[in-house]
């Protein structure tokens, strides 16, 4: 599995794919687990308000717990020099 963060609130599940974000691809997926328990239909473009709300909550939680995040190998190498 690729590096990711996820948040579930009510019937919604948000996934942030870290590698996709670094490669400038869409990094977010949003699912309604009540109507789509198999996570087949990404609602991130259809429900931007829900996406933004859950993204803010995820960012807040990560800052609150000081979560370790993946870093680019380039950044790691620069810090070693």
PDB file of N, CA and C in Angstrom:
ATOM      1  N   UNK A   1       0.839  -1.175   0.000  1.00  0.00           N
ATOM      2  CA  UNK A   1       0.000   0.000   0.000  1.00  0.00           C
ATOM      3  C   UNK A   1       0.890   1.247   0.000  1.00  0.00           C
ATOM      4  N   UNK A   2       0.485   2.235  -0.749  1.00  0.00           N
ATOM      5  CA  UNK A   2       1.214   3.499  -0.822  1.00  0.00           C
ATOM      6  C   UNK A   2       1.010   4.300   0.465  1.00  0.00           C
ATOM      7  N   UNK A   3       1.952   5.228   0.758  1.00  0.00           N
ATOM      8  CA  UNK A   3       1.770   6.085   1.942  1.00  0.00           C
ATOM      9  C   UNK A   3       0.519   6.939   1.807  1.00  0.00           C
ATOM     10  N   UNK A   4      -0.270   6.960   2.868  1.00  0.00           N
ATOM     11  CA  UNK A   4      -1.538   7.695   2.828  1.00  0.00           C
ATOM     12  C   UNK A   4      -1.945   8.089   4.237  1.00  0.00           C
ATOM     13  N   UNK A   5      -2.821   9.066   4.294  1.00  0.00           N
ATOM     14  CA  UNK A   5      -3.522   9.424   5.529  1.00  0.00           C
ATOM     15  C   UNK A   5      -5.001   9.255   5.243  1.00  0.00           C
ATOM     16  N   UNK A   6      -5.771   8.924   6.277  1.00  0.00           N
ATOM     17  CA  UNK A   6      -7.203   8.753   6.083  1.00  0.00           C
ATOM     18  C   UNK A   6      -7.957   9.277   7.295  1.00  0.00           C
ATOM     19  N   UNK A   7      -9.172   9.709   7.028  1.00  0.00           N
ATOM     20  CA  UNK A   7     -10.058  10.201   8.080  1.00  0.00           C
ATOM     21  C   UNK A   7     -11.457   9.707   7.760  1.00  0.00           C
ATOM     22  N   UNK A   8     -12.126   9.194   8.771  1.00  0.00           N
ATOM     23  CA  UNK A   8     -13.509   8.784   8.602  1.00  0.00           C
ATOM     24  C   UNK A   8     -14.365   9.624   9.539  1.00  0.00           C
ATOM     25  N   UNK A   9     -15.424  10.202   8.976  1.00  0.00           N
ATOM     26  CA  UNK A   9     -16.361  10.991   9.764  1.00  0.00           C
ATOM     27  C   UNK A   9     -17.763  10.697   9.264  1.00  0.00           C
ATOM     28  N   UNK A  10     -18.582  10.158  10.146  1.00  0.00           N
ATOM     29  CA  UNK A  10     -19.930   9.785   9.732  1.00  0.00           C
ATOM     30  C   UNK A  10     -19.869   8.770   8.613  1.00  0.00           C
ATOM     31  N   UNK A  11     -20.569   9.060   7.543  1.00  0.00           N
ATOM     32  CA  UNK A  11     -20.604   8.120   6.426  1.00  0.00           C
ATOM     33  C   UNK A  11     -19.474   8.336   5.424  1.00  0.00           C
ATOM     34  N   UNK A  12     -18.651   9.373   5.631  1.00  0.00           N
ATOM     35  CA  UNK A  12     -17.605   9.710   4.665  1.00  0.00           C
ATOM     36  C   UNK A  12     -16.225   9.234   5.098  1.00  0.00           C
ATOM     37  N   UNK A  13     -15.433   8.879   4.109  1.00  0.00           N
ATOM     38  CA  UNK A  13     -14.040   8.523   4.318  1.00  0.00           C
ATOM     39  C   UNK A  13     -13.200   9.326   3.334  1.00  0.00           C
ATOM     40  N   UNK A  14     -12.187  10.003   3.869  1.00  0.00           N
ATOM     41  CA  UNK A  14     -11.258  10.784   3.069  1.00  0.00           C
ATOM     42  C   UNK A  14      -9.908  10.076   3.068  1.00  0.00           C
ATOM     43  N   UNK A  15      -9.287   9.980   1.898  1.00  0.00           N
ATOM     44  CA  UNK A  15      -7.945   9.417   1.778  1.00  0.00           C
ATOM     45  C   UNK A  15      -7.065  10.448   1.085  1.00  0.00           C
ATOM     46  N   UNK A  16      -5.894  10.696   1.666  1.00  0.00           N
ATOM     47  CA  UNK A  16      -4.889  11.544   1.029  1.00  0.00           C
ATOM     48  C   UNK A  16      -3.717  10.642   0.653  1.00  0.00           C
ATOM     49  N   UNK A  17      -3.417  10.563  -0.635  1.00  0.00           N
ATOM     50  CA  UNK A  17      -2.300   9.754  -1.137  1.00  0.00           C
ATOM     51  C   UNK A  17      -1.075  10.643  -1.226  1.00  0.00           C
ATOM     52  N   UNK A  18      -0.074  10.394  -0.403  1.00  0.00           N
ATOM     53  CA  UNK A  18       1.084  11.271  -0.323  1.00  0.00           C
ATOM     54  C   UNK A  18       1.964  11.216  -1.568  1.00  0.00           C
ATOM     55  N   UNK A  19       2.193  10.043  -2.133  1.00  0.00           N
ATOM     56  CA  UNK A  19       3.035   9.948  -3.329  1.00  0.00           C
ATOM     57  C   UNK A  19       2.381  10.637  -4.518  1.00  0.00           C
ATOM     58  N   UNK A  20       1.086  10.516  -4.654  1.00  0.00           N
ATOM     59  CA  UNK A  20       0.383  11.158  -5.760  1.00  0.00           C
ATOM     60  C   UNK A  20       0.506  12.670  -5.654  1.00  0.00           C
ATOM     61  N   UNK A  21       0.395  13.177  -4.437  1.00  0.00           N
ATOM     62  CA  UNK A  21       0.512  14.612  -4.230  1.00  0.00           C
ATOM     63  C   UNK A  21       1.905  15.099  -4.642  1.00  0.00           C
ATOM     64  N   UNK A  22       2.921  14.358  -4.283  1.00  0.00           N
ATOM     65  CA  UNK A  22       4.290  14.736  -4.638  1.00  0.00           C
ATOM     66  C   UNK A  22       4.515  14.682  -6.140  1.00  0.00           C
ATOM     67  N   UNK A  23       3.772  13.837  -6.833  1.00  0.00           N
ATOM     68  CA  UNK A  23       3.886  13.719  -8.287  1.00  0.00           C
ATOM     69  C   UNK A  23       2.886  14.595  -9.019  1.00  0.00           C
ATOM     70  N   UNK A  24       2.252  15.519  -8.297  1.00  0.00           N
ATOM     71  CA  UNK A  24       1.300  16.471  -8.850  1.00  0.00           C
ATOM     72  C   UNK A  24       0.096  15.802  -9.511  1.00  0.00           C
ATOM     73  N   UNK A  25      -0.334  14.688  -8.946  1.00  0.00           N
ATOM     74  CA  UNK A  25      -1.550  14.012  -9.380  1.00  0.00           C
ATOM     75  C   UNK A  25      -2.628  14.309  -8.338  1.00  0.00           C
ATOM     76  N   UNK A  26      -3.881  14.055  -8.661  1.00  0.00           N
ATOM     77  CA  UNK A  26      -4.922  14.224  -7.638  1.00  0.00           C
ATOM     78  C   UNK A  26      -4.583  13.373  -6.415  1.00  0.00           C
ATOM     79  N   UNK A  27      -4.552  14.010  -5.275  1.00  0.00           N
ATOM     80  CA  UNK A  27      -4.091  13.334  -4.069  1.00  0.00           C
ATOM     81  C   UNK A  27      -5.225  12.926  -3.143  1.00  0.00           C
ATOM     82  N   UNK A  28      -6.446  13.286  -3.483  1.00  0.00           N
ATOM     83  CA  UNK A  28      -7.568  13.083  -2.573  1.00  0.00           C
ATOM     84  C   UNK A  28      -8.616  12.155  -3.153  1.00  0.00           C
ATOM     85  N   UNK A  29      -9.171  11.318  -2.283  1.00  0.00           N
ATOM     86  CA  UNK A  29     -10.333  10.506  -2.646  1.00  0.00           C
ATOM     87  C   UNK A  29     -11.332  10.637  -1.503  1.00  0.00           C
ATOM     88  N   UNK A  30     -12.598  10.692  -1.857  1.00  0.00           N
ATOM     89  CA  UNK A  30     -13.678  10.823  -0.877  1.00  0.00           C
ATOM     90  C   UNK A  30     -14.748   9.797  -1.212  1.00  0.00           C
ATOM     91  N   UNK A  31     -15.161   9.047  -0.206  1.00  0.00           N
ATOM     92  CA  UNK A  31     -16.164   7.999  -0.414  1.00  0.00           C
ATOM     93  C   UNK A  31     -17.298   8.128   0.592  1.00  0.00           C
ATOM     94  N   UNK A  32     -18.495   7.778   0.142  1.00  0.00           N
ATOM     95  CA  UNK A  32     -19.666   7.648   0.997  1.00  0.00           C
ATOM     96  C   UNK A  32     -19.776   6.161   1.325  1.00  0.00           C
ATOM     97  N   UNK A  33     -19.375   5.789   2.524  1.00  0.00           N
ATOM     98  CA  UNK A  33     -19.312   4.376   2.885  1.00  0.00           C
ATOM     99  C   UNK A  33     -20.680   3.732   3.076  1.00  0.00           C
ATOM    100  N   UNK A  34     -21.714   4.542   3.283  1.00  0.00           N
ATOM    101  CA  UNK A  34     -23.059   3.968   3.398  1.00  0.00           C
ATOM    102  C   UNK A  34     -23.540   3.455   2.047  1.00  0.00           C
ATOM    103  N   UNK A  35     -23.362   4.255   1.004  1.00  0.00           N
ATOM    104  CA  UNK A  35     -23.858   3.852  -0.314  1.00  0.00           C
ATOM    105  C   UNK A  35     -22.794   3.150  -1.150  1.00  0.00           C
ATOM    106  N   UNK A  36     -21.519   3.226  -0.733  1.00  0.00           N
ATOM    107  CA  UNK A  36     -20.414   2.656  -1.511  1.00  0.00           C
ATOM    108  C   UNK A  36     -19.371   2.047  -0.570  1.00  0.00           C
ATOM    109  N   UNK A  37     -19.732   0.961   0.137  1.00  0.00           N
ATOM    110  CA  UNK A  37     -18.793   0.386   1.102  1.00  0.00           C
ATOM    111  C   UNK A  37     -17.526  -0.178   0.456  1.00  0.00           C
ATOM    112  N   UNK A  38     -17.560  -0.453  -0.828  1.00  0.00           N
ATOM    113  CA  UNK A  38     -16.395  -0.978  -1.537  1.00  0.00           C
ATOM    114  C   UNK A  38     -15.468   0.106  -2.062  1.00  0.00           C
ATOM    115  N   UNK A  39     -15.803   1.360  -1.791  1.00  0.00           N
ATOM    116  CA  UNK A  39     -14.992   2.513  -2.201  1.00  0.00           C
ATOM    117  C   UNK A  39     -14.670   2.485  -3.708  1.00  0.00           C
ATOM    118  N   UNK A  40     -15.720   2.417  -4.504  1.00  0.00           N
ATOM    119  CA  UNK A  40     -15.564   2.366  -5.967  1.00  0.00           C
ATOM    120  C   UNK A  40     -15.740   3.732  -6.629  1.00  0.00           C
ATOM    121  N   UNK A  41     -16.563   4.624  -6.028  1.00  0.00           N
ATOM    122  CA  UNK A  41     -16.880   5.913  -6.653  1.00  0.00           C
ATOM    123  C   UNK A  41     -16.293   7.054  -5.826  1.00  0.00           C
ATOM    124  N   UNK A  42     -15.257   7.681  -6.359  1.00  0.00           N
ATOM    125  CA  UNK A  42     -14.614   8.819  -5.718  1.00  0.00           C
ATOM    126  C   UNK A  42     -15.516  10.046  -5.872  1.00  0.00           C
ATOM    127  N   UNK A  43     -15.900  10.653  -4.750  1.00  0.00           N
ATOM    128  CA  UNK A  43     -16.800  11.803  -4.748  1.00  0.00           C
ATOM    129  C   UNK A  43     -16.072  13.131  -4.543  1.00  0.00           C
ATOM    130  N   UNK A  44     -14.756  13.137  -4.604  1.00  0.00           N
ATOM    131  CA  UNK A  44     -13.995  14.342  -4.270  1.00  0.00           C
ATOM    132  C   UNK A  44     -14.333  15.528  -5.171  1.00  0.00           C
ATOM    133  N   UNK A  45     -14.623  15.294  -6.433  1.00  0.00           N
ATOM    134  CA  UNK A  45     -14.984  16.403  -7.331  1.00  0.00           C
ATOM    135  C   UNK A  45     -16.452  16.780  -7.216  1.00  0.00           C
ATOM    136  N   UNK A  46     -17.286  15.830  -6.822  1.00  0.00           N
ATOM    137  CA  UNK A  46     -18.723  16.091  -6.710  1.00  0.00           C
ATOM    138  C   UNK A  46     -19.099  16.776  -5.393  1.00  0.00           C
ATOM    139  N   UNK A  47     -18.297  16.570  -4.351  1.00  0.00           N
ATOM    140  CA  UNK A  47     -18.609  17.115  -3.030  1.00  0.00           C
ATOM    141  C   UNK A  47     -17.423  17.919  -2.487  1.00  0.00           C
ATOM    142  N   UNK A  48     -17.075  19.029  -3.150  1.00  0.00           N
ATOM    143  CA  UNK A  48     -15.891  19.794  -2.714  1.00  0.00           C
ATOM    144  C   UNK A  48     -16.024  20.374  -1.307  1.00  0.00           C
ATOM    145  N   UNK A  49     -17.239  20.675  -0.868  1.00  0.00           N
ATOM    146  CA  UNK A  49     -17.408  21.227   0.475  1.00  0.00           C
ATOM    147  C   UNK A  49     -17.072  20.185   1.543  1.00  0.00           C
ATOM    148  N   UNK A  50     -17.527  18.961   1.334  1.00  0.00           N
ATOM    149  CA  UNK A  50     -17.227  17.870   2.265  1.00  0.00           C
ATOM    150  C   UNK A  50     -15.731  17.580   2.229  1.00  0.00           C
ATOM    151  N   UNK A  51     -15.151  17.553   1.038  1.00  0.00           N
ATOM    152  CA  UNK A  51     -13.719  17.321   0.889  1.00  0.00           C
ATOM    153  C   UNK A  51     -12.919  18.354   1.681  1.00  0.00           C
ATOM    154  N   UNK A  52     -13.245  19.630   1.529  1.00  0.00           N
ATOM    155  CA  UNK A  52     -12.522  20.686   2.232  1.00  0.00           C
ATOM    156  C   UNK A  52     -12.670  20.570   3.747  1.00  0.00           C
ATOM    157  N   UNK A  53     -13.879  20.274   4.203  1.00  0.00           N
ATOM    158  CA  UNK A  53     -14.120  20.128   5.645  1.00  0.00           C
ATOM    159  C   UNK A  53     -13.271  19.002   6.231  1.00  0.00           C
ATOM    160  N   UNK A  54     -13.268  17.846   5.562  1.00  0.00           N
ATOM    161  CA  UNK A  54     -12.517  16.703   6.076  1.00  0.00           C
ATOM    162  C   UNK A  54     -11.012  16.916   5.949  1.00  0.00           C
ATOM    163  N   UNK A  55     -10.567  17.591   4.897  1.00  0.00           N
ATOM    164  CA  UNK A  55      -9.135  17.905   4.754  1.00  0.00           C
ATOM    165  C   UNK A  55      -8.668  18.774   5.910  1.00  0.00           C
ATOM    166  N   UNK A  56      -9.461  19.784   6.260  1.00  0.00           N
ATOM    167  CA  UNK A  56      -9.105  20.659   7.376  1.00  0.00           C
ATOM    168  C   UNK A  56      -9.031  19.867   8.682  1.00  0.00           C
ATOM    169  N   UNK A  57      -9.971  18.975   8.895  1.00  0.00           N
ATOM    170  CA  UNK A  57      -9.956  18.158  10.106  1.00  0.00           C
ATOM    171  C   UNK A  57      -8.737  17.250  10.147  1.00  0.00           C
ATOM    172  N   UNK A  58      -8.396  16.669   9.001  1.00  0.00           N
ATOM    173  CA  UNK A  58      -7.224  15.787   8.926  1.00  0.00           C
ATOM    174  C   UNK A  58      -5.952  16.576   9.217  1.00  0.00           C
ATOM    175  N   UNK A  59      -5.797  17.745   8.605  1.00  0.00           N
ATOM    176  CA  UNK A  59      -4.625  18.587   8.846  1.00  0.00           C
ATOM    177  C   UNK A  59      -4.539  18.989  10.319  1.00  0.00           C
ATOM    178  N   UNK A  60      -5.677  19.369  10.890  1.00  0.00           N
ATOM    179  CA  UNK A  60      -5.699  19.765  12.300  1.00  0.00           C
ATOM    180  C   UNK A  60      -5.257  18.606  13.188  1.00  0.00           C
ATOM    181  N   UNK A  61      -5.783  17.425  12.937  1.00  0.00           N
ATOM    182  CA  UNK A  61      -5.430  16.259  13.745  1.00  0.00           C
ATOM    183  C   UNK A  61      -3.945  15.932  13.610  1.00  0.00           C
ATOM    184  N   UNK A  62      -3.418  15.968  12.375  1.00  0.00           N
ATOM    185  CA  UNK A  62      -1.994  15.667  12.174  1.00  0.00           C
ATOM    186  C   UNK A  62      -1.110  16.657  12.924  1.00  0.00           C
ATOM    187  N   UNK A  63      -1.474  17.936  12.910  1.00  0.00           N
ATOM    188  CA  UNK A  63      -0.702  18.934  13.647  1.00  0.00           C
ATOM    189  C   UNK A  63      -0.814  18.719  15.154  1.00  0.00           C
ATOM    190  N   UNK A  64      -1.992  18.362  15.597  1.00  0.00           N
ATOM    191  CA  UNK A  64      -2.239  18.161  17.029  1.00  0.00           C
ATOM    192  C   UNK A  64      -1.401  17.014  17.593  1.00  0.00           C
ATOM    193  N   UNK A  65      -1.272  15.934  16.832  1.00  0.00           N
ATOM    194  CA  UNK A  65      -0.538  14.756  17.310  1.00  0.00           C
ATOM    195  C   UNK A  65       0.907  14.733  16.822  1.00  0.00           C
ATOM    196  N   UNK A  66       1.296  15.755  16.085  1.00  0.00           N
ATOM    197  CA  UNK A  66       2.637  15.865  15.511  1.00  0.00           C
ATOM    198  C   UNK A  66       2.959  14.594  14.712  1.00  0.00           C
ATOM    199  N   UNK A  67       2.080  14.280  13.798  1.00  0.00           N
ATOM    200  CA  UNK A  67       2.235  13.076  12.984  1.00  0.00           C
ATOM    201  C   UNK A  67       3.450  13.194  12.071  1.00  0.00           C
ATOM    202  N   UNK A  68       4.197  12.107  11.962  1.00  0.00           N
ATOM    203  CA  UNK A  68       5.317  12.074  11.030  1.00  0.00           C
ATOM    204  C   UNK A  68       4.772  11.883   9.624  1.00  0.00           C
ATOM    205  N   UNK A  69       5.315  12.676   8.690  1.00  0.00           N
ATOM    206  CA  UNK A  69       4.841  12.631   7.317  1.00  0.00           C
ATOM    207  C   UNK A  69       5.962  12.155   6.405  1.00  0.00           C
ATOM    208  N   UNK A  70       5.612  11.509   5.297  1.00  0.00           N
ATOM    209  CA  UNK A  70       6.638  11.083   4.344  1.00  0.00           C
ATOM    210  C   UNK A  70       7.366  12.298   3.771  1.00  0.00           C
ATOM    211  N   UNK A  71       8.628  12.118   3.486  1.00  0.00           N
ATOM    212  CA  UNK A  71       9.430  13.188   2.900  1.00  0.00           C
ATOM    213  C   UNK A  71      10.074  12.689   1.623  1.00  0.00           C
ATOM    214  N   UNK A  72      10.369  13.614   0.740  1.00  0.00           N
ATOM    215  CA  UNK A  72      11.059  13.262  -0.490  1.00  0.00           C
ATOM    216  C   UNK A  72      12.477  12.813  -0.171  1.00  0.00           C
ATOM    217  N   UNK A  73      12.963  11.825  -0.887  1.00  0.00           N
ATOM    218  CA  UNK A  73      14.321  11.353  -0.696  1.00  0.00           C
ATOM    219  C   UNK A  73      15.313  12.497  -0.895  1.00  0.00           C
ATOM    220  N   UNK A  74      15.021  13.385  -1.822  1.00  0.00           N
ATOM    221  CA  UNK A  74      15.879  14.542  -2.065  1.00  0.00           C
ATOM    222  C   UNK A  74      16.017  15.386  -0.796  1.00  0.00           C
ATOM    223  N   UNK A  75      14.919  15.647  -0.106  1.00  0.00           N
ATOM    224  CA  UNK A  75      14.956  16.438   1.125  1.00  0.00           C
ATOM    225  C   UNK A  75      15.783  15.747   2.198  1.00  0.00           C
ATOM    226  N   UNK A  76      15.629  14.453   2.316  1.00  0.00           N
ATOM    227  CA  UNK A  76      16.373  13.688   3.320  1.00  0.00           C
ATOM    228  C   UNK A  76      17.869  13.774   3.026  1.00  0.00           C
ATOM    229  N   UNK A  77      18.261  13.576   1.757  1.00  0.00           N
ATOM    230  CA  UNK A  77      19.665  13.647   1.372  1.00  0.00           C
ATOM    231  C   UNK A  77      20.240  15.034   1.625  1.00  0.00           C
ATOM    232  N   UNK A  78      19.474  16.092   1.374  1.00  0.00           N
ATOM    233  CA  UNK A  78      19.950  17.457   1.605  1.00  0.00           C
ATOM    234  C   UNK A  78      20.221  17.690   3.087  1.00  0.00           C
ATOM    235  N   UNK A  79      19.401  17.130   3.942  1.00  0.00           N
ATOM    236  CA  UNK A  79      19.585  17.302   5.378  1.00  0.00           C
ATOM    237  C   UNK A  79      20.793  16.533   5.911  1.00  0.00           C
ATOM    238  N   UNK A  80      21.215  15.503   5.198  1.00  0.00           N
ATOM    239  CA  UNK A  80      22.376  14.714   5.628  1.00  0.00           C
ATOM    240  C   UNK A  80      23.696  15.393   5.251  1.00  0.00           C
ATOM    241  N   UNK A  81      23.669  16.270   4.280  1.00  0.00           N
ATOM    242  CA  UNK A  81      24.901  16.949   3.819  1.00  0.00           C
ATOM    243  C   UNK A  81      25.245  18.130   4.663  1.00  0.00           C
TER     244      UNK A  81
END
